[in-house]
Amino acid sequence: MTDQKSGAVALYAEFTAKEGKADEVEALLLDLTTKVRAEPGNIVFDPHRRQEAPDDFFVYEIYRDDQAFQAHITADYGRVFNEALTDLIIGDGSQLTWLSPLT
């Protein structure tokens, strides 16, 4: 979803690792982080683990515009990451929440 004012795409993704799989998820996510941060249209890609629930992951993302976001979601390494993640997390994948700035 594009912010009408800036053209930027902002969102966060959340997912929960299966029991005993959080460290494996973290390793995959850190590898993905390096690749996403190198994308020309990426502005922010900040992964986190919840302190009170370390199996829960949260990733804050901002892309320059829709084109940059499309380049991100069609990157081969993203597909590889998502395929690997499938067996390591609860549910069907990341839950995405689209954001719009207040100003």
PDB file of N, CA and C in Angstrom:
ATOM      1  N   MET A   1       0.834  -1.183   0.000  1.00  0.00           N
ATOM      2  CA  MET A   1       0.000   0.000   0.000  1.00  0.00           C
ATOM      3  C   MET A   1       0.879   1.247   0.000  1.00  0.00           C
ATOM      4  N   THR A   2       0.632   2.131  -0.895  1.00  0.00           N
ATOM      5  CA  THR A   2       1.444   3.329  -1.032  1.00  0.00           C
ATOM      6  C   THR A   2       0.873   4.464  -0.208  1.00  0.00           C
ATOM      7  N   ASP A   3       1.753   5.171   0.474  1.00  0.00           N
ATOM      8  CA  ASP A   3       1.375   6.399   1.145  1.00  0.00           C
ATOM      9  C   ASP A   3       1.190   7.456   0.054  1.00  0.00           C
ATOM     10  N   GLN A   4       0.013   8.032  -0.026  1.00  0.00           N
ATOM     11  CA  GLN A   4      -0.307   8.986  -1.087  1.00  0.00           C
ATOM     12  C   GLN A   4       0.615  10.200  -1.103  1.00  0.00           C
ATOM     13  N   LYS A   5       1.103  10.617   0.048  1.00  0.00           N
ATOM     14  CA  LYS A   5       1.927  11.824   0.118  1.00  0.00           C
ATOM     15  C   LYS A   5       3.368  11.572  -0.314  1.00  0.00           C
ATOM     16  N   SER A   6       3.976  10.520   0.198  1.00  0.00           N
ATOM     17  CA  SER A   6       5.399  10.328  -0.057  1.00  0.00           C
ATOM     18  C   SER A   6       5.687   9.309  -1.148  1.00  0.00           C
ATOM     19  N   GLY A   7       4.727   8.451  -1.461  1.00  0.00           N
ATOM     20  CA  GLY A   7       4.956   7.378  -2.408  1.00  0.00           C
ATOM     21  C   GLY A   7       5.580   6.160  -1.766  1.00  0.00           C
ATOM     22  N   ALA A   8       5.977   6.264  -0.500  1.00  0.00           N
ATOM     23  CA  ALA A   8       6.637   5.156   0.192  1.00  0.00           C
ATOM     24  C   ALA A   8       5.635   4.057   0.552  1.00  0.00           C
ATOM     25  N   VAL A   9       6.143   2.838   0.638  1.00  0.00           N
ATOM     26  CA  VAL A   9       5.360   1.688   1.082  1.00  0.00           C
ATOM     27  C   VAL A   9       5.899   1.291   2.449  1.00  0.00           C
ATOM     28  N   ALA A  10       5.032   1.320   3.451  1.00  0.00           N
ATOM     29  CA  ALA A  10       5.431   0.984   4.820  1.00  0.00           C
ATOM     30  C   ALA A  10       4.531  -0.124   5.351  1.00  0.00           C
ATOM     31  N   LEU A  11       5.134  -1.062   6.047  1.00  0.00           N
ATOM     32  CA  LEU A  11       4.382  -2.186   6.589  1.00  0.00           C
ATOM     33  C   LEU A  11       5.186  -2.859   7.679  1.00  0.00           C
ATOM     34  N   TYR A  12       4.511  -3.749   8.399  1.00  0.00           N
ATOM     35  CA  TYR A  12       5.257  -4.648   9.257  1.00  0.00           C
ATOM     36  C   TYR A  12       4.725  -6.055   9.069  1.00  0.00           C
ATOM     37  N   ALA A  13       5.619  -7.002   9.260  1.00  0.00           N
ATOM     38  CA  ALA A  13       5.295  -8.415   9.136  1.00  0.00           C
ATOM     39  C   ALA A  13       5.510  -9.072  10.495  1.00  0.00           C
ATOM     40  N   GLU A  14       4.611  -9.978  10.840  1.00  0.00           N
ATOM     41  CA  GLU A  14       4.725 -10.702  12.099  1.00  0.00           C
ATOM     42  C   GLU A  14       4.541 -12.191  11.838  1.00  0.00           C
ATOM     43  N   PHE A  15       5.292 -12.993  12.566  1.00  0.00           N
ATOM     44  CA  PHE A  15       5.118 -14.439  12.500  1.00  0.00           C
ATOM     45  C   PHE A  15       5.703 -15.058  13.756  1.00  0.00           C
ATOM     46  N   THR A  16       5.273 -16.282  14.043  1.00  0.00           N
ATOM     47  CA  THR A  16       5.701 -16.990  15.252  1.00  0.00           C
ATOM     48  C   THR A  16       6.368 -18.296  14.862  1.00  0.00           C
ATOM     49  N   ALA A  17       7.548 -18.514  15.389  1.00  0.00           N
ATOM     50  CA  ALA A  17       8.294 -19.751  15.137  1.00  0.00           C
ATOM     51  C   ALA A  17       7.642 -20.911  15.895  1.00  0.00           C
ATOM     52  N   LYS A  18       7.714 -22.081  15.286  1.00  0.00           N
ATOM     53  CA  LYS A  18       7.284 -23.285  15.985  1.00  0.00           C
ATOM     54  C   LYS A  18       8.240 -23.543  17.147  1.00  0.00           C
ATOM     55  N   GLU A  19       7.771 -24.292  18.125  1.00  0.00           N
ATOM     56  CA  GLU A  19       8.590 -24.594  19.297  1.00  0.00           C
ATOM     57  C   GLU A  19       9.931 -25.191  18.876  1.00  0.00           C
ATOM     58  N   GLY A  20      10.999 -24.597  19.396  1.00  0.00           N
ATOM     59  CA  GLY A  20      12.345 -25.072  19.126  1.00  0.00           C
ATOM     60  C   GLY A  20      12.940 -24.607  17.804  1.00  0.00           C
ATOM     61  N   LYS A  21      12.223 -23.769  17.052  1.00  0.00           N
ATOM     62  CA  LYS A  21      12.683 -23.345  15.728  1.00  0.00           C
ATOM     63  C   LYS A  21      13.067 -21.863  15.654  1.00  0.00           C
ATOM     64  N   ALA A  22      12.953 -21.134  16.747  1.00  0.00           N
ATOM     65  CA  ALA A  22      13.174 -19.687  16.717  1.00  0.00           C
ATOM     66  C   ALA A  22      14.592 -19.308  16.305  1.00  0.00           C
ATOM     67  N   ASP A  23      15.578 -20.025  16.774  1.00  0.00           N
ATOM     68  CA  ASP A  23      16.956 -19.680  16.410  1.00  0.00           C
ATOM     69  C   ASP A  23      17.203 -19.920  14.923  1.00  0.00           C
ATOM     70  N   GLU A  24      16.601 -20.948  14.381  1.00  0.00           N
ATOM     71  CA  GLU A  24      16.719 -21.213  12.950  1.00  0.00           C
ATOM     72  C   GLU A  24      16.029 -20.110  12.140  1.00  0.00           C
ATOM     73  N   VAL A  25      14.851 -19.685  12.602  1.00  0.00           N
ATOM     74  CA  VAL A  25      14.150 -18.580  11.952  1.00  0.00           C
ATOM     75  C   VAL A  25      15.003 -17.320  12.012  1.00  0.00           C
ATOM     76  N   GLU A  26      15.596 -17.043  13.165  1.00  0.00           N
ATOM     77  CA  GLU A  26      16.441 -15.859  13.313  1.00  0.00           C
ATOM     78  C   GLU A  26      17.603 -15.882  12.323  1.00  0.00           C
ATOM     79  N   ALA A  27      18.254 -17.006  12.167  1.00  0.00           N
ATOM     80  CA  ALA A  27      19.385 -17.108  11.234  1.00  0.00           C
ATOM     81  C   ALA A  27      18.937 -16.834   9.798  1.00  0.00           C
ATOM     82  N   LEU A  28      17.800 -17.403   9.395  1.00  0.00           N
ATOM     83  CA  LEU A  28      17.271 -17.147   8.053  1.00  0.00           C
ATOM     84  C   LEU A  28      16.929 -15.668   7.872  1.00  0.00           C
ATOM     85  N   LEU A  29      16.326 -15.092   8.904  1.00  0.00           N
ATOM     86  CA  LEU A  29      15.908 -13.696   8.833  1.00  0.00           C
ATOM     87  C   LEU A  29      17.101 -12.748   8.772  1.00  0.00           C
ATOM     88  N   LEU A  30      18.143 -13.039   9.499  1.00  0.00           N
ATOM     89  CA  LEU A  30      19.344 -12.194   9.448  1.00  0.00           C
ATOM     90  C   LEU A  30      20.004 -12.257   8.068  1.00  0.00           C
ATOM     91  N   ASP A  31      20.014 -13.430   7.453  1.00  0.00           N
ATOM     92  CA  ASP A  31      20.537 -13.558   6.096  1.00  0.00           C
ATOM     93  C   ASP A  31      19.686 -12.750   5.118  1.00  0.00           C
ATOM     94  N   LEU A  32      18.368 -12.868   5.243  1.00  0.00           N
ATOM     95  CA  LEU A  32      17.469 -12.089   4.378  1.00  0.00           C
ATOM     96  C   LEU A  32      17.672 -10.592   4.588  1.00  0.00           C
ATOM     97  N   THR A  33      17.869 -10.180   5.823  1.00  0.00           N
ATOM     98  CA  THR A  33      18.034  -8.757   6.146  1.00  0.00           C
ATOM     99  C   THR A  33      19.182  -8.146   5.362  1.00  0.00           C
ATOM    100  N   THR A  34      20.301  -8.831   5.307  1.00  0.00           N
ATOM    101  CA  THR A  34      21.458  -8.337   4.556  1.00  0.00           C
ATOM    102  C   THR A  34      21.095  -8.119   3.087  1.00  0.00           C
ATOM    103  N   LYS A  35      20.366  -9.049   2.512  1.00  0.00           N
ATOM    104  CA  LYS A  35      19.994  -8.961   1.097  1.00  0.00           C
ATOM    105  C   LYS A  35      18.978  -7.851   0.849  1.00  0.00           C
ATOM    106  N   VAL A  36      17.975  -7.744   1.701  1.00  0.00           N
ATOM    107  CA  VAL A  36      16.933  -6.719   1.511  1.00  0.00           C
ATOM    108  C   VAL A  36      17.519  -5.328   1.697  1.00  0.00           C
ATOM    109  N   ARG A  37      18.361  -5.143   2.683  1.00  0.00           N
ATOM    110  CA  ARG A  37      18.956  -3.824   2.910  1.00  0.00           C
ATOM    111  C   ARG A  37      19.814  -3.361   1.736  1.00  0.00           C
ATOM    112  N   ALA A  38      20.258  -4.294   0.913  1.00  0.00           N
ATOM    113  CA  ALA A  38      21.052  -3.948  -0.280  1.00  0.00           C
ATOM    114  C   ALA A  38      20.173  -3.598  -1.482  1.00  0.00           C
ATOM    115  N   GLU A  39      18.876  -3.808  -1.383  1.00  0.00           N
ATOM    116  CA  GLU A  39      17.978  -3.445  -2.486  1.00  0.00           C
ATOM    117  C   GLU A  39      17.971  -1.927  -2.652  1.00  0.00           C
ATOM    118  N   PRO A  40      18.060  -1.429  -3.891  1.00  0.00           N
ATOM    119  CA  PRO A  40      18.107   0.018  -4.102  1.00  0.00           C
ATOM    120  C   PRO A  40      16.891   0.767  -3.565  1.00  0.00           C
ATOM    121  N   GLY A  41      15.732   0.114  -3.564  1.00  0.00           N
ATOM    122  CA  GLY A  41      14.514   0.796  -3.123  1.00  0.00           C
ATOM    123  C   GLY A  41      14.154   0.581  -1.677  1.00  0.00           C
ATOM    124  N   ASN A  42      14.975  -0.167  -0.940  1.00  0.00           N
ATOM    125  CA  ASN A  42      14.690  -0.389   0.472  1.00  0.00           C
ATOM    126  C   ASN A  42      15.192   0.787   1.296  1.00  0.00           C
ATOM    127  N   ILE A  43      14.340   1.255   2.181  1.00  0.00           N
ATOM    128  CA  ILE A  43      14.703   2.343   3.090  1.00  0.00           C
ATOM    129  C   ILE A  43      14.956   1.793   4.488  1.00  0.00           C
ATOM    130  N   VAL A  44      14.074   0.908   4.943  1.00  0.00           N
ATOM    131  CA  VAL A  44      14.197   0.306   6.273  1.00  0.00           C
ATOM    132  C   VAL A  44      13.804  -1.161   6.186  1.00  0.00           C
ATOM    133  N   PHE A  45      14.589  -2.006   6.808  1.00  0.00           N
ATOM    134  CA  PHE A  45      14.224  -3.407   7.021  1.00  0.00           C
ATOM    135  C   PHE A  45      14.809  -3.784   8.373  1.00  0.00           C
ATOM    136  N   ASP A  46      13.984  -3.726   9.408  1.00  0.00           N
ATOM    137  CA  ASP A  46      14.443  -3.924  10.782  1.00  0.00           C
ATOM    138  C   ASP A  46      13.723  -5.097  11.436  1.00  0.00           C
ATOM    139  N   PRO A  47      14.390  -6.245  11.544  1.00  0.00           N
ATOM    140  CA  PRO A  47      13.774  -7.398  12.193  1.00  0.00           C
ATOM    141  C   PRO A  47      13.967  -7.362  13.713  1.00  0.00           C
ATOM    142  N   HIS A  48      12.995  -7.910  14.419  1.00  0.00           N
ATOM    143  CA  HIS A  48      13.026  -7.941  15.884  1.00  0.00           C
ATOM    144  C   HIS A  48      12.434  -9.251  16.387  1.00  0.00           C
ATOM    145  N   ARG A  49      12.826  -9.608  17.626  1.00  0.00           N
ATOM    146  CA  ARG A  49      12.156 -10.664  18.377  1.00  0.00           C
ATOM    147  C   ARG A  49      11.518 -10.005  19.587  1.00  0.00           C
ATOM    148  N   ARG A  50      10.334 -10.451  19.938  1.00  0.00           N
ATOM    149  CA  ARG A  50       9.662  -9.895  21.113  1.00  0.00           C
ATOM    150  C   ARG A  50      10.371 -10.359  22.374  1.00  0.00           C
ATOM    151  N   GLN A  51      10.654  -9.422  23.258  1.00  0.00           N
ATOM    152  CA  GLN A  51      11.348  -9.769  24.499  1.00  0.00           C
ATOM    153  C   GLN A  51      10.524 -10.718  25.350  1.00  0.00           C
ATOM    154  N   GLU A  52       9.230 -10.461  25.434  1.00  0.00           N
ATOM    155  CA  GLU A  52       8.372 -11.267  26.312  1.00  0.00           C
ATOM    156  C   GLU A  52       7.921 -12.573  25.664  1.00  0.00           C
ATOM    157  N   ALA A  53       8.159 -12.730  24.366  1.00  0.00           N
ATOM    158  CA  ALA A  53       7.763 -13.948  23.648  1.00  0.00           C
ATOM    159  C   ALA A  53       8.770 -14.180  22.517  1.00  0.00           C
ATOM    160  N   PRO A  54       9.935 -14.737  22.820  1.00  0.00           N
ATOM    161  CA  PRO A  54      11.030 -14.803  21.849  1.00  0.00           C
ATOM    162  C   PRO A  54      10.774 -15.673  20.619  1.00  0.00           C
ATOM    163  N   ASP A  55       9.659 -16.390  20.585  1.00  0.00           N
ATOM    164  CA  ASP A  55       9.293 -17.121  19.364  1.00  0.00           C
ATOM    165  C   ASP A  55       8.573 -16.211  18.369  1.00  0.00           C
ATOM    166  N   ASP A  56       8.189 -15.010  18.808  1.00  0.00           N
ATOM    167  CA  ASP A  56       7.464 -14.052  17.963  1.00  0.00           C
ATOM    168  C   ASP A  56       8.443 -13.085  17.302  1.00  0.00           C
ATOM    169  N   PHE A  57       8.292 -12.938  15.999  1.00  0.00           N
ATOM    170  CA  PHE A  57       9.144 -12.057  15.200  1.00  0.00           C
ATOM    171  C   PHE A  57       8.324 -10.917  14.624  1.00  0.00           C
ATOM    172  N   PHE A  58       8.973  -9.766  14.484  1.00  0.00           N
ATOM    173  CA  PHE A  58       8.351  -8.543  13.978  1.00  0.00           C
ATOM    174  C   PHE A  58       9.372  -7.878  13.056  1.00  0.00           C
ATOM    175  N   VAL A  59       8.947  -7.543  11.840  1.00  0.00           N
ATOM    176  CA  VAL A  59       9.851  -6.895  10.885  1.00  0.00           C
ATOM    177  C   VAL A  59       9.191  -5.613  10.384  1.00  0.00           C
ATOM    178  N   TYR A  60       9.844  -4.489  10.621  1.00  0.00           N
ATOM    179  CA  TYR A  60       9.374  -3.182  10.156  1.00  0.00           C
ATOM    180  C   TYR A  60      10.067  -2.892   8.830  1.00  0.00           C
ATOM    181  N   GLU A  61       9.271  -2.522   7.802  1.00  0.00           N
ATOM    182  CA  GLU A  61       9.807  -2.342   6.456  1.00  0.00           C
ATOM    183  C   GLU A  61       9.290  -1.058   5.812  1.00  0.00           C
ATOM    184  N   ILE A  62      10.169  -0.366   5.092  1.00  0.00           N
ATOM    185  CA  ILE A  62       9.770   0.781   4.274  1.00  0.00           C
ATOM    186  C   ILE A  62      10.505   0.671   2.945  1.00  0.00           C
ATOM    187  N   TYR A  63       9.754   0.874   1.868  1.00  0.00           N
ATOM    188  CA  TYR A  63      10.304   0.870   0.515  1.00  0.00           C
ATOM    189  C   TYR A  63       9.999   2.200  -0.141  1.00  0.00           C
ATOM    190  N   ARG A  64      10.866   2.617  -1.052  1.00  0.00           N
ATOM    191  CA  ARG A  64      10.773   3.924  -1.694  1.00  0.00           C
ATOM    192  C   ARG A  64       9.411   4.146  -2.344  1.00  0.00           C
ATOM    193  N   ASP A  65       8.880   3.137  -3.025  1.00  0.00           N
ATOM    194  CA  ASP A  65       7.604   3.258  -3.741  1.00  0.00           C
ATOM    195  C   ASP A  65       7.097   1.864  -4.091  1.00  0.00           C
ATOM    196  N   ASP A  66       5.966   1.802  -4.788  1.00  0.00           N
ATOM    197  CA  ASP A  66       5.392   0.510  -5.173  1.00  0.00           C
ATOM    198  C   ASP A  66       6.353  -0.305  -6.031  1.00  0.00           C
ATOM    199  N   GLN A  67       7.054   0.349  -6.928  1.00  0.00           N
ATOM    200  CA  GLN A  67       7.996  -0.358  -7.799  1.00  0.00           C
ATOM    201  C   GLN A  67       9.098  -1.028  -6.971  1.00  0.00           C
ATOM    202  N   ALA A  68       9.607  -0.318  -5.986  1.00  0.00           N
ATOM    203  CA  ALA A  68      10.638  -0.890  -5.110  1.00  0.00           C
ATOM    204  C   ALA A  68      10.071  -2.055  -4.309  1.00  0.00           C
ATOM    205  N   PHE A  69       8.837  -1.929  -3.850  1.00  0.00           N
ATOM    206  CA  PHE A  69       8.225  -3.020  -3.100  1.00  0.00           C
ATOM    207  C   PHE A  69       8.007  -4.232  -3.998  1.00  0.00           C
ATOM    208  N   GLN A  70       7.571  -4.000  -5.231  1.00  0.00           N
ATOM    209  CA  GLN A  70       7.383  -5.106  -6.172  1.00  0.00           C
ATOM    210  C   GLN A  70       8.710  -5.813  -6.454  1.00  0.00           C
ATOM    211  N   ALA A  71       9.772  -5.044  -6.593  1.00  0.00           N
ATOM    212  CA  ALA A  71      11.096  -5.646  -6.795  1.00  0.00           C
ATOM    213  C   ALA A  71      11.471  -6.506  -5.584  1.00  0.00           C
ATOM    214  N   HIS A  72      11.124  -6.029  -4.395  1.00  0.00           N
ATOM    215  CA  HIS A  72      11.411  -6.773  -3.174  1.00  0.00           C
ATOM    216  C   HIS A  72      10.656  -8.099  -3.154  1.00  0.00           C
ATOM    217  N   ILE A  73       9.358  -8.060  -3.388  1.00  0.00           N
ATOM    218  CA  ILE A  73       8.565  -9.288  -3.232  1.00  0.00           C
ATOM    219  C   ILE A  73       8.769 -10.285  -4.369  1.00  0.00           C
ATOM    220  N   THR A  74       9.404  -9.864  -5.444  1.00  0.00           N
ATOM    221  CA  THR A  74       9.663 -10.796  -6.542  1.00  0.00           C
ATOM    222  C   THR A  74      11.122 -11.274  -6.578  1.00  0.00           C
ATOM    223  N   ALA A  75      11.928 -10.838  -5.635  1.00  0.00           N
ATOM    224  CA  ALA A  75      13.334 -11.261  -5.581  1.00  0.00           C
ATOM    225  C   ALA A  75      13.423 -12.758  -5.280  1.00  0.00           C
ATOM    226  N   ASP A  76      14.311 -13.446  -5.967  1.00  0.00           N
ATOM    227  CA  ASP A  76      14.474 -14.894  -5.788  1.00  0.00           C
ATOM    228  C   ASP A  76      14.791 -15.265  -4.343  1.00  0.00           C
ATOM    229  N   TYR A  77      15.634 -14.482  -3.685  1.00  0.00           N
ATOM    230  CA  TYR A  77      16.012 -14.820  -2.309  1.00  0.00           C
ATOM    231  C   TYR A  77      14.832 -14.698  -1.353  1.00  0.00           C
ATOM    232  N   GLY A  78      13.860 -13.848  -1.678  1.00  0.00           N
ATOM    233  CA  GLY A  78      12.645 -13.764  -0.871  1.00  0.00           C
ATOM    234  C   GLY A  78      11.815 -15.030  -0.977  1.00  0.00           C
ATOM    235  N   ARG A  79      11.724 -15.570  -2.189  1.00  0.00           N
ATOM    236  CA  ARG A  79      10.997 -16.825  -2.408  1.00  0.00           C
ATOM    237  C   ARG A  79      11.676 -17.951  -1.634  1.00  0.00           C
ATOM    238  N   VAL A  80      12.993 -18.016  -1.699  1.00  0.00           N
ATOM    239  CA  VAL A  80      13.751 -19.044  -0.976  1.00  0.00           C
ATOM    240  C   VAL A  80      13.510 -18.913   0.529  1.00  0.00           C
ATOM    241  N   PHE A  81      13.563 -17.690   1.039  1.00  0.00           N
ATOM    242  CA  PHE A  81      13.312 -17.439   2.464  1.00  0.00           C
ATOM    243  C   PHE A  81      11.914 -17.916   2.854  1.00  0.00           C
ATOM    244  N   ASN A  82      10.904 -17.509   2.088  1.00  0.00           N
ATOM    245  CA  ASN A  82       9.523 -17.873   2.417  1.00  0.00           C
ATOM    246  C   ASN A  82       9.298 -19.377   2.350  1.00  0.00           C
ATOM    247  N   GLU A  83       9.916 -20.048   1.407  1.00  0.00           N
ATOM    248  CA  GLU A  83       9.789 -21.501   1.329  1.00  0.00           C
ATOM    249  C   GLU A  83      10.418 -22.164   2.552  1.00  0.00           C
ATOM    250  N   ALA A  84      11.575 -21.695   2.963  1.00  0.00           N
ATOM    251  CA  ALA A  84      12.241 -22.249   4.148  1.00  0.00           C
ATOM    252  C   ALA A  84      11.437 -21.955   5.409  1.00  0.00           C
ATOM    253  N   LEU A  85      10.845 -20.786   5.471  1.00  0.00           N
ATOM    254  CA  LEU A  85      10.093 -20.360   6.642  1.00  0.00           C
ATOM    255  C   LEU A  85       8.825 -21.186   6.850  1.00  0.00           C
ATOM    256  N   THR A  86       8.240 -21.677   5.779  1.00  0.00           N
ATOM    257  CA  THR A  86       6.963 -22.390   5.836  1.00  0.00           C
ATOM    258  C   THR A  86       6.939 -23.491   6.887  1.00  0.00           C
ATOM    259  N   ASP A  87       7.993 -24.273   6.964  1.00  0.00           N
ATOM    260  CA  ASP A  87       8.024 -25.385   7.910  1.00  0.00           C
ATOM    261  C   ASP A  87       8.495 -24.987   9.308  1.00  0.00           C
ATOM    262  N   LEU A  88       8.880 -23.737   9.465  1.00  0.00           N
ATOM    263  CA  LEU A  88       9.452 -23.294  10.741  1.00  0.00           C
ATOM    264  C   LEU A  88       8.519 -22.414  11.560  1.00  0.00           C
ATOM    265  N   ILE A  89       7.421 -21.960  10.954  1.00  0.00           N
ATOM    266  CA  ILE A  89       6.529 -21.039  11.664  1.00  0.00           C
ATOM    267  C   ILE A  89       5.115 -21.607  11.775  1.00  0.00           C
ATOM    268  N   ILE A  90       4.373 -21.038  12.694  1.00  0.00           N
ATOM    269  CA  ILE A  90       2.973 -21.389  12.901  1.00  0.00           C
ATOM    270  C   ILE A  90       2.143 -20.597  11.895  1.00  0.00           C
ATOM    271  N   GLY A  91       1.214 -21.253  11.247  1.00  0.00           N
ATOM    272  CA  GLY A  91       0.335 -20.568  10.309  1.00  0.00           C
ATOM    273  C   GLY A  91       0.848 -20.641   8.885  1.00  0.00           C
ATOM    274  N   ASP A  92       0.165 -19.902   8.017  1.00  0.00           N
ATOM    275  CA  ASP A  92       0.428 -19.953   6.581  1.00  0.00           C
ATOM    276  C   ASP A  92       1.498 -18.989   6.095  1.00  0.00           C
ATOM    277  N   GLY A  93       2.022 -18.157   6.949  1.00  0.00           N
ATOM    278  CA  GLY A  93       3.044 -17.197   6.544  1.00  0.00           C
ATOM    279  C   GLY A  93       2.974 -15.961   7.402  1.00  0.00           C
ATOM    280  N   SER A  94       3.703 -14.955   6.974  1.00  0.00           N
ATOM    281  CA  SER A  94       3.732 -13.684   7.702  1.00  0.00           C
ATOM    282  C   SER A  94       2.377 -12.995   7.639  1.00  0.00           C
ATOM    283  N   GLN A  95       2.006 -12.369   8.736  1.00  0.00           N
ATOM    284  CA  GLN A  95       0.832 -11.511   8.766  1.00  0.00           C
ATOM    285  C   GLN A  95       1.322 -10.100   8.475  1.00  0.00           C
ATOM    286  N   LEU A  96       0.825  -9.505   7.395  1.00  0.00           N
ATOM    287  CA  LEU A  96       1.277  -8.169   7.002  1.00  0.00           C
ATOM    288  C   LEU A  96       0.277  -7.119   7.447  1.00  0.00           C
ATOM    289  N   THR A  97       0.802  -6.008   7.955  1.00  0.00           N
ATOM    290  CA  THR A  97      -0.010  -4.858   8.324  1.00  0.00           C
ATOM    291  C   THR A  97       0.548  -3.655   7.591  1.00  0.00           C
ATOM    292  N   TRP A  98      -0.295  -3.013   6.778  1.00  0.00           N
ATOM    293  CA  TRP A  98       0.103  -1.856   5.972  1.00  0.00           C
ATOM    294  C   TRP A  98      -0.065  -0.600   6.800  1.00  0.00           C
ATOM    295  N   LEU A  99       0.876   0.334   6.668  1.00  0.00           N
ATOM    296  CA  LEU A  99       0.913   1.552   7.476  1.00  0.00           C
ATOM    297  C   LEU A  99       0.811   2.798   6.622  1.00  0.00           C
ATOM    298  N   SER A 100       0.192   3.825   7.194  1.00  0.00           N
ATOM    299  CA  SER A 100       0.145   5.151   6.562  1.00  0.00           C
ATOM    300  C   SER A 100       0.587   6.178   7.592  1.00  0.00           C
ATOM    301  N   PRO A 101       1.467   7.093   7.205  1.00  0.00           N
ATOM    302  CA  PRO A 101       1.941   8.109   8.166  1.00  0.00           C
ATOM    303  C   PRO A 101       0.822   9.094   8.519  1.00  0.00           C
ATOM    304  N   LEU A 102       0.926   9.665   9.684  1.00  0.00           N
ATOM    305  CA  LEU A 102      -0.061  10.643  10.127  1.00  0.00           C
ATOM    306  C   LEU A 102       0.193  12.032   9.549  1.00  0.00           C
ATOM    307  N   THR A 103       1.399  12.297   9.089  1.00  0.00           N
ATOM    308  CA  THR A 103       1.665  13.605   8.532  1.00  0.00           C
ATOM    309  C   THR A 103       2.084  13.517   7.085  1.00  0.00           C
TER     310      THR A 103
END
